[in-house]
Every structure is written in structure tokens, then in C-alpha cells.
C-alpha atoms as a PDB file:
ATOM      1  CA  MET A   1      -0.006   0.000   0.021  1.00  0.00           C
ATOM      2  CA  PRO A   2       1.512   3.432  -0.904  1.00  0.00           C
ATOM      3  CA  VAL A   3       2.062   5.384   2.284  1.00  0.00           C
ATOM      4  CA  ILE A   4       3.139   8.962   2.727  1.00  0.00           C
ATOM      5  CA  SER A   5       4.547   9.358   6.099  1.00  0.00           C
ATOM      6  CA  GLU A   6       4.535  12.662   7.965  1.00  0.00           C
ATOM      7  CA  ILE A   7       6.729  14.980   9.942  1.00  0.00           C
ATOM      8  CA  LYS A   8       4.764  17.132  12.267  1.00  0.00           C
ATOM      9  CA  VAL A   9       5.905  18.877  15.413  1.00  0.00           C
ATOM     10  CA  ARG A  10       2.609  18.975  17.217  1.00  0.00           C
ATOM     11  CA  SER A  11      -1.000  19.000  16.562  1.00  0.00           C
ATOM     12  CA  PRO A  12      -4.003  20.830  18.252  1.00  0.00           C
ATOM     13  CA  LYS A  13      -5.611  17.471  19.057  1.00  0.00           C
ATOM     14  CA  GLU A  14      -2.563  15.284  20.081  1.00  0.00           C
ATOM     15  CA  GLY A  15       0.010  17.892  21.402  1.00  0.00           C
ATOM     16  CA  ASP A  16       3.756  17.234  21.041  1.00  0.00           C
ATOM     17  CA  LEU A  17       4.459  14.616  18.400  1.00  0.00           C
ATOM     18  CA  LEU A  18       8.313  14.764  18.044  1.00  0.00           C
ATOM     19  CA  ARG A  19       8.852  13.764  21.676  1.00  0.00           C
ATOM     20  CA  GLY A  20      12.468  14.930  21.609  1.00  0.00           C
ATOM     21  CA  ARG A  21      13.281  13.559  18.127  1.00  0.00           C
ATOM     22  CA  SER A  22      14.528  15.753  15.397  1.00  0.00           C
ATOM     23  CA  PRO A  23      12.715  15.972  12.049  1.00  0.00           C
ATOM     24  CA  SER A  24      15.928  14.843  10.297  1.00  0.00           C
ATOM     25  CA  ASP A  25      16.231  11.673  12.489  1.00  0.00           C
ATOM     26  CA  LEU A  26      12.562  10.862  11.834  1.00  0.00           C
ATOM     27  CA  ALA A  27      13.080  11.324   8.024  1.00  0.00           C
ATOM     28  CA  ARG A  28      16.145   8.982   8.111  1.00  0.00           C
ATOM     29  CA  THR A  29      13.850   6.349   9.759  1.00  0.00           C
ATOM     30  CA  TYR A  30      11.150   6.796   7.081  1.00  0.00           C
ATOM     31  CA  LEU A  31      13.811   6.513   4.381  1.00  0.00           C
ATOM     32  CA  THR A  32      14.685   3.046   5.514  1.00  0.00           C
ATOM     33  CA  ARG A  33      11.121   1.969   4.596  1.00  0.00           C
ATOM     34  CA  PRO A  34       9.373   1.703   1.085  1.00  0.00           C
ATOM     35  CA  ILE A  35       7.496   4.954   1.604  1.00  0.00           C
ATOM     36  CA  ALA A  36       5.780   6.771  -1.291  1.00  0.00           C
ATOM     37  CA  GLY A  37       6.879  10.158   0.044  1.00  0.00           C
ATOM     38  CA  ILE A  38       7.205  12.433   3.118  1.00  0.00           C
ATOM     39  CA  SER A  39       4.767  15.086   4.111  1.00  0.00           C
ATOM     40  CA  VAL A  40       6.265  18.012   5.915  1.00  0.00           C
ATOM     41  CA  VAL A  41       3.800  20.206   7.914  1.00  0.00           C
ATOM     42  CA  THR A  42       5.296  23.731   7.759  1.00  0.00           C
ATOM     43  CA  GLU A  43       2.407  25.755   9.439  1.00  0.00           C
ATOM     44  CA  PRO A  44       4.114  27.436  12.473  1.00  0.00           C
ATOM     45  CA  THR A  45       1.366  28.544  14.831  1.00  0.00           C
ATOM     46  CA  GLN A  46      -0.895  25.525  15.322  1.00  0.00           C
ATOM     47  CA  PHE A  47       1.537  22.845  14.194  1.00  0.00           C
ATOM     48  CA  GLY A  48       5.026  24.201  15.030  1.00  0.00           C
ATOM     49  CA  GLY A  49       6.286  23.656  11.515  1.00  0.00           C
ATOM     50  CA  SER A  50       8.957  25.407   9.359  1.00  0.00           C
ATOM     51  CA  VAL A  51       9.898  25.578   5.702  1.00  0.00           C
ATOM     52  CA  GLU A  52      13.436  24.940   6.845  1.00  0.00           C
ATOM     53  CA  THR A  53      12.427  21.289   7.625  1.00  0.00           C
ATOM     54  CA  ILE A  54      11.751  20.786   3.907  1.00  0.00           C
ATOM     55  CA  ARG A  55      15.218  21.761   3.076  1.00  0.00           C
ATOM     56  CA  GLN A  56      16.594  19.449   5.797  1.00  0.00           C
ATOM     57  CA  VAL A  57      14.651  16.455   4.444  1.00  0.00           C
ATOM     58  CA  ALA A  58      15.474  17.194   0.800  1.00  0.00           C
ATOM     59  CA  ALA A  59      19.157  17.097   1.725  1.00  0.00           C
ATOM     60  CA  LEU A  60      18.819  13.457   3.043  1.00  0.00           C
ATOM     61  CA  GLY A  61      17.880  11.633  -0.236  1.00  0.00           C
ATOM     62  CA  ASP A  62      15.765  11.598  -3.334  1.00  0.00           C
ATOM     63  CA  VAL A  63      12.238  11.264  -2.018  1.00  0.00           C
ATOM     64  CA  PRO A  64       9.072  13.074  -2.962  1.00  0.00           C
ATOM     65  CA  ILE A  65       8.208  15.814  -0.404  1.00  0.00           C
ATOM     66  CA  LEU A  66       4.807  17.283   0.181  1.00  0.00           C
ATOM     67  CA  ARG A  67       4.441  20.685   1.752  1.00  0.00           C
ATOM     68  CA  LYS A  68       1.511  20.692   4.029  1.00  0.00           C
ATOM     69  CA  ASP A  69       0.334  24.192   5.144  1.00  0.00           C
ATOM     70  CA  PHE A  70      -2.511  26.664   4.793  1.00  0.00           C
ATOM     71  CA  LEU A  71      -1.258  28.087   1.548  1.00  0.00           C
ATOM     72  CA  ARG A  72      -3.225  30.661  -0.442  1.00  0.00           C
ATOM     73  CA  ASP A  73      -1.139  32.548  -2.931  1.00  0.00           C
ATOM     74  CA  ARG A  74       1.364  32.556  -5.688  1.00  0.00           C
ATOM     75  CA  ALA A  75       4.312  33.573  -3.427  1.00  0.00           C
ATOM     76  CA  ALA A  76       3.849  30.472  -1.420  1.00  0.00           C
ATOM     77  CA  MET A  77       4.095  28.283  -4.397  1.00  0.00           C
ATOM     78  CA  GLU A  78       7.382  29.903  -5.312  1.00  0.00           C
ATOM     79  CA  GLU A  79       8.614  29.456  -1.816  1.00  0.00           C
ATOM     80  CA  THR A  80       7.667  25.847  -1.758  1.00  0.00           C
ATOM     81  CA  ALA A  81       9.490  24.997  -4.971  1.00  0.00           C
ATOM     82  CA  GLU A  82      12.564  26.920  -3.831  1.00  0.00           C
ATOM     83  CA  ALA A  83      12.682  24.961  -0.638  1.00  0.00           C
ATOM     84  CA  GLY A  84      12.900  21.581  -2.428  1.00  0.00           C
ATOM     85  CA  ALA A  85       9.372  20.183  -2.198  1.00  0.00           C
ATOM     86  CA  SER A  86       7.918  18.367  -5.149  1.00  0.00           C
ATOM     87  CA  THR A  87       4.221  18.653  -4.280  1.00  0.00           C
ATOM     88  CA  VAL A  88       2.064  21.320  -2.548  1.00  0.00           C
ATOM     89  CA  LEU A  89      -1.169  21.001  -0.704  1.00  0.00           C
ATOM     90  CA  LEU A  90      -3.976  23.212  -1.981  1.00  0.00           C
ATOM     91  CA  THR A  91      -6.979  22.973   0.367  1.00  0.00           C
ATOM     92  CA  VAL A  92     -10.296  23.957  -1.264  1.00  0.00           C
ATOM     93  CA  SER A  93     -11.766  25.282   2.020  1.00  0.00           C
ATOM     94  CA  ILE A  94      -8.596  27.480   2.673  1.00  0.00           C
ATOM     95  CA  ILE A  95      -7.965  28.983  -0.704  1.00  0.00           C
ATOM     96  CA  GLY A  96     -11.550  29.430  -1.843  1.00  0.00           C
ATOM     97  CA  LEU A  97     -13.041  28.855  -5.226  1.00  0.00           C
ATOM     98  CA  ASP A  98     -12.354  32.340  -6.502  1.00  0.00           C
ATOM     99  CA  HIS A  99      -8.546  31.806  -6.380  1.00  0.00           C
ATOM    100  CA  LEU A 100      -8.165  27.994  -6.578  1.00  0.00           C
ATOM    101  CA  ALA A 101      -7.678  27.793 -10.321  1.00  0.00           C
ATOM    102  CA  GLU A 102      -5.146  30.687 -10.322  1.00  0.00           C
ATOM    103  CA  VAL A 103      -3.014  29.231  -7.476  1.00  0.00           C
ATOM    104  CA  HIS A 104      -3.184  25.729  -9.016  1.00  0.00           C
ATOM    105  CA  ALA A 105      -1.917  26.970 -12.339  1.00  0.00           C
ATOM    106  CA  HIS A 106       0.882  28.853 -10.710  1.00  0.00           C
ATOM    107  CA  ALA A 107       1.933  25.799  -8.594  1.00  0.00           C
ATOM    108  CA  LYS A 108       2.178  23.872 -11.931  1.00  0.00           C
ATOM    109  CA  ALA A 109       4.199  26.693 -13.496  1.00  0.00           C
ATOM    110  CA  CYS A 110       6.619  26.435 -10.579  1.00  0.00           C
ATOM    111  CA  GLY A 111       7.156  22.776 -11.403  1.00  0.00           C
ATOM    112  CA  LEU A 112       5.140  21.461  -8.464  1.00  0.00           C
ATOM    113  CA  GLU A 113       2.678  18.557  -8.443  1.00  0.00           C
ATOM    114  CA  THR A 114      -0.679  19.468  -6.854  1.00  0.00           C
ATOM    115  CA  LEU A 115      -2.534  17.708  -4.041  1.00  0.00           C
ATOM    116  CA  VAL A 116      -5.985  19.324  -4.093  1.00  0.00           C
ATOM    117  CA  GLU A 117      -7.686  18.565  -0.735  1.00  0.00           C
ATOM    118  CA  THR A 118     -11.415  18.250  -0.220  1.00  0.00           C
ATOM    119  CA  HIS A 119     -13.465  17.344   2.888  1.00  0.00           C
ATOM    120  CA  GLN A 120     -16.973  17.562   1.630  1.00  0.00           C
ATOM    121  CA  PRO A 121     -18.620  16.128  -1.570  1.00  0.00           C
ATOM    122  CA  GLU A 122     -19.605  19.797  -2.508  1.00  0.00           C
ATOM    123  CA  GLU A 123     -15.937  20.689  -2.577  1.00  0.00           C
ATOM    124  CA  LEU A 124     -15.220  17.938  -5.033  1.00  0.00           C
ATOM    125  CA  ASP A 125     -18.092  19.025  -7.131  1.00  0.00           C
ATOM    126  CA  SER A 126     -16.523  22.610  -7.191  1.00  0.00           C
ATOM    127  CA  VAL A 127     -13.163  21.253  -8.236  1.00  0.00           C
ATOM    128  CA  LEU A 128     -14.801  19.394 -11.163  1.00  0.00           C
ATOM    129  CA  ALA A 129     -16.904  22.456 -12.069  1.00  0.00           C
ATOM    130  CA  LEU A 130     -13.641  24.540 -12.368  1.00  0.00           C
ATOM    131  CA  GLY A 131     -12.193  21.984 -14.713  1.00  0.00           C
ATOM    132  CA  LEU A 132      -9.106  21.364 -12.561  1.00  0.00           C
ATOM    133  CA  GLU A 133      -7.174  18.193 -12.990  1.00  0.00           C
ATOM    134  CA  PRO A 134      -4.960  17.910  -9.815  1.00  0.00           C
ATOM    135  CA  ASP A 135      -2.077  15.474  -9.825  1.00  0.00           C
ATOM    136  CA  ILE A 136      -3.649  13.978  -6.648  1.00  0.00           C
ATOM    137  CA  LEU A 137      -7.169  14.443  -5.285  1.00  0.00           C
ATOM    138  CA  GLY A 138      -6.984  14.445  -1.447  1.00  0.00           C
ATOM    139  CA  ILE A 139      -9.836  13.536   0.891  1.00  0.00           C
ATOM    140  CA  ASN A 140      -9.183  14.749   4.444  1.00  0.00           C
ATOM    141  CA  ASN A 141     -11.062  12.607   6.895  1.00  0.00           C
ATOM    142  CA  ARG A 142     -10.910  15.416   9.470  1.00  0.00           C
ATOM    143  CA  ASP A 143     -12.003  19.113   9.265  1.00  0.00           C
ATOM    144  CA  ILE A 144      -8.943  21.357   8.760  1.00  0.00           C
ATOM    145  CA  LEU A 145     -11.014  24.409   9.483  1.00  0.00           C
ATOM    146  CA  ILE A 146     -11.244  23.385  13.169  1.00  0.00           C
ATOM    147  CA  GLY A 147      -7.621  22.245  13.282  1.00  0.00           C
ATOM    148  CA  GLU A 148      -8.460  18.545  12.616  1.00  0.00           C
ATOM    149  CA  THR A 149      -9.603  18.297  16.255  1.00  0.00           C
ATOM    150  CA  ASP A 150     -12.776  16.358  15.305  1.00  0.00           C
ATOM    151  CA  ASP A 151     -13.071  12.577  15.507  1.00  0.00           C
ATOM    152  CA  GLY A 152     -13.037  11.920  11.748  1.00  0.00           C
ATOM    153  CA  ASP A 153     -12.585   8.456  10.217  1.00  0.00           C
ATOM    154  CA  VAL A 154     -12.270   6.648   6.892  1.00  0.00           C
ATOM    155  CA  ARG A 155     -15.994   6.937   6.344  1.00  0.00           C
ATOM    156  CA  ARG A 156     -15.304  10.445   4.939  1.00  0.00           C
ATOM    157  CA  THR A 157     -13.124   8.857   2.191  1.00  0.00           C
ATOM    158  CA  GLU A 158     -15.743   6.128   1.628  1.00  0.00           C
ATOM    159  CA  GLY A 159     -18.520   8.723   1.097  1.00  0.00           C
ATOM    160  CA  ILE A 160     -16.571  11.029  -1.288  1.00  0.00           C
ATOM    161  CA  VAL A 161     -14.423   8.747  -3.396  1.00  0.00           C
ATOM    162  CA  ALA A 162     -17.291   7.451  -5.560  1.00  0.00           C
ATOM    163  CA  GLY A 163     -17.584  10.947  -7.170  1.00  0.00           C
ATOM    164  CA  VAL A 164     -13.894  11.110  -8.174  1.00  0.00           C
ATOM    165  CA  PRO A 165     -13.429  10.710 -12.021  1.00  0.00           C
ATOM    166  CA  PRO A 166     -11.896   7.499 -13.216  1.00  0.00           C
ATOM    167  CA  GLY A 167      -8.148   7.682 -13.498  1.00  0.00           C
ATOM    168  CA  TRP A 168      -7.568  10.253 -10.874  1.00  0.00           C
ATOM    169  CA  LEU A 169      -5.101   9.452  -8.046  1.00  0.00           C
ATOM    170  CA  VAL A 170      -6.881   9.586  -4.651  1.00  0.00           C
ATOM    171  CA  LEU A 171      -5.111  10.097  -1.342  1.00  0.00           C
ATOM    172  CA  SER A 172      -6.943   9.414   1.936  1.00  0.00           C
ATOM    173  CA  GLU A 173      -5.608  11.654   4.611  1.00  0.00           C
ATOM    174  CA  SER A 174      -5.929  11.749   8.501  1.00  0.00           C
ATOM    175  CA  ALA A 175      -7.643   9.604  11.004  1.00  0.00           C
ATOM    176  CA  ILE A 176      -5.922   6.415   9.769  1.00  0.00           C
ATOM    177  CA  ALA A 177      -4.748   4.603  12.917  1.00  0.00           C
ATOM    178  CA  GLY A 178      -3.636   1.348  11.498  1.00  0.00           C
ATOM    179  CA  ALA A 179      -3.822  -1.436   8.932  1.00  0.00           C
ATOM    180  CA  GLU A 180      -7.691  -1.741   9.076  1.00  0.00           C
ATOM    181  CA  ASP A 181      -8.219   1.879   8.356  1.00  0.00           C
ATOM    182  CA  ALA A 182      -5.679   1.755   5.479  1.00  0.00           C
ATOM    183  CA  ARG A 183      -7.498  -1.361   4.144  1.00  0.00           C
ATOM    184  CA  ARG A 184     -10.907   0.370   4.292  1.00  0.00           C
ATOM    185  CA  ALA A 185      -9.556   3.358   2.424  1.00  0.00           C
ATOM    186  CA  ARG A 186      -7.942   1.078  -0.228  1.00  0.00           C
ATOM    187  CA  GLU A 187     -11.200  -0.882  -0.627  1.00  0.00           C
ATOM    188  CA  ALA A 188     -13.209   2.308  -1.002  1.00  0.00           C
ATOM    189  CA  GLY A 189     -11.013   3.432  -3.937  1.00  0.00           C
ATOM    190  CA  ALA A 190      -8.085   5.361  -2.485  1.00  0.00           C
ATOM    191  CA  ASP A 191      -4.857   4.826  -4.134  1.00  0.00           C
ATOM    192  CA  ALA A 192      -2.558   5.731  -1.221  1.00  0.00           C
ATOM    193  CA  VAL A 193      -2.862   7.010   2.453  1.00  0.00           C
ATOM    194  CA  LEU A 194      -1.194   9.891   4.249  1.00  0.00           C
ATOM    195  CA  VAL A 195      -0.484   8.999   7.875  1.00  0.00           C
ATOM    196  CA  GLY A 196       1.080  11.337  10.454  1.00  0.00           C
ATOM    197  CA  THR A 197      -0.033  10.882  14.015  1.00  0.00           C
ATOM    198  CA  ALA A 198      -0.244   7.155  14.097  1.00  0.00           C
ATOM    199  CA  ILE A 199       3.269   6.805  12.827  1.00  0.00           C
ATOM    200  CA  LEU A 200       4.657   9.554  15.030  1.00  0.00           C
ATOM    201  CA  ARG A 201       3.077   8.152  18.193  1.00  0.00           C
ATOM    202  CA  ALA A 202       4.003   4.547  17.461  1.00  0.00           C
ATOM    203  CA  PRO A 203       6.745   3.067  19.747  1.00  0.00           C
ATOM    204  CA  ASP A 204       8.599   2.127  16.557  1.00  0.00           C
ATOM    205  CA  PRO A 205       7.639   4.400  13.536  1.00  0.00           C
ATOM    206  CA  GLY A 206       9.408   2.108  11.086  1.00  0.00           C
ATOM    207  CA  GLU A 207       7.313  -0.909  12.213  1.00  0.00           C
ATOM    208  CA  LYS A 208       4.154   1.139  11.908  1.00  0.00           C
ATOM    209  CA  ILE A 209       5.060   2.006   8.299  1.00  0.00           C
ATOM    210  CA  ASP A 210       5.662  -1.649   7.673  1.00  0.00           C
ATOM    211  CA  GLU A 211       2.141  -2.472   9.029  1.00  0.00           C
ATOM    212  CA  LEU A 212       0.457   0.082   6.767  1.00  0.00           C
ATOM    213  CA  VAL A 213       2.439  -0.827   3.656  1.00  0.00           C
ATOM    214  CA  GLY A 214       1.760  -4.483   4.402  1.00  0.00           C
ATOM    215  CA  VAL A 215      -1.921  -4.042   3.693  1.00  0.00           C
ATOM    216  CA  GLY A 216      -1.011  -4.567   0.052  1.00  0.00           C
ATOM    217  CA  TRP A 217      -2.653  -3.639  -3.164  1.00  0.00           C
ATOM    218  CA  SER A 218      -5.616  -5.476  -4.766  1.00  0.00           C
ATOM    219  CA  ARG A 219      -6.612  -3.446  -7.858  1.00  0.00           C
END
């Protein structure tokens, strides 16, 4: 199962997630496993992140890096590319429909892949109405507008994925605690999962990644 593992300093729901570890040491652990990429949360206020972490991870090896933040404008796309990320998160509820197409186009012009994130079926409908074709369509199982403090689960993916056009890559994000949740996301139609807290809180992050990857692929 393709797994994007995450580096996140803290979360509004779970508190400190590094527990004395450095982002670079976590990235080195992740790179010993067959991950599909590393997500780096750079939002500083709620999540304690920094763009500098992207630079640190990019220096460790050739791995796809997703910048995860509340990004809204063209300048942020340029900063993301300069830091060494390969993919940028574009959250429909954060950017708004008036600017989504413009920001998406500029991200592509900067050489970035796009992860367009939805949380409601109506947001997916809006993406389709704009004629956007993201590199990856994300479905966040929690509500980013309240800091992902709600108790979301994979049912959110199961309820939205049916409306995704054939051939689009779908990433199920957040609220994935282990193999069973990853399996449910896969069976619903997700192509990959992004897992942060469950990996970061595991006694052995590498073993947790192995558990998730071990779900396998059936399509």
C-alpha cells in the first residue's frame, strides 16, 4: 500500500508529536522503509512547523516531499518550490473557489505537483466544475477548518471517493490509525494514504509504516 509518512511537530488534538526527536532523524527512519513520500507540515502557529524542515529532508535523499500548510497565494508556491518540495497541498476550503484555479496554475508553472484537498462532496463538485485536474485528489477525513480536532474516520473517504473521475489518483488523509483503516481506504477506492499521528506516536515508527504498507494492493 503506498504510504506517505509525515513529519509534524505537534497537533492541536494530540500535542507534542516529536517527543524529543529531530525531524531529520525521523526522516532517516522513514527513508529506511518503502514509503511513497514524506509530508512536511510547515504551518508554524498551530503545528510548530517550518519551511526549513523541507530543506533538511530534501538534503537526506531523493524522496518526494509534500509541503502541507494553509497556503493561499502565488508567493507560497514559489517558496515551496525553492525549498525543495515536489508537491504542494492546496486545500479547497482554505484557498476558496475564486482563487483556486489561479493558485493551482501557478503551482504547476513552478514545477510542483498538486494535491487538491477536499473534505465535503460539494468541494469535489466545485473542483470538477472549475475543470481542474490535480495530480492527486486528497480527501481529508478530518476538518482542517477546526484544526483537525474532530473525530473523523475513513467513512469520509468512503463517502466522497465514488464521485472522483476514473483515472484520478486519490489520497486518503488523516484519521488512519492502522492497517484496518488503510485497508478500508484502499477498498473504498483510495490509491494511497497519508499517515501522520499514528506513525509519530508509534513506539517504532518504522514498524508502523511496515504495518500500513503490508496492507498490500488489490486493484
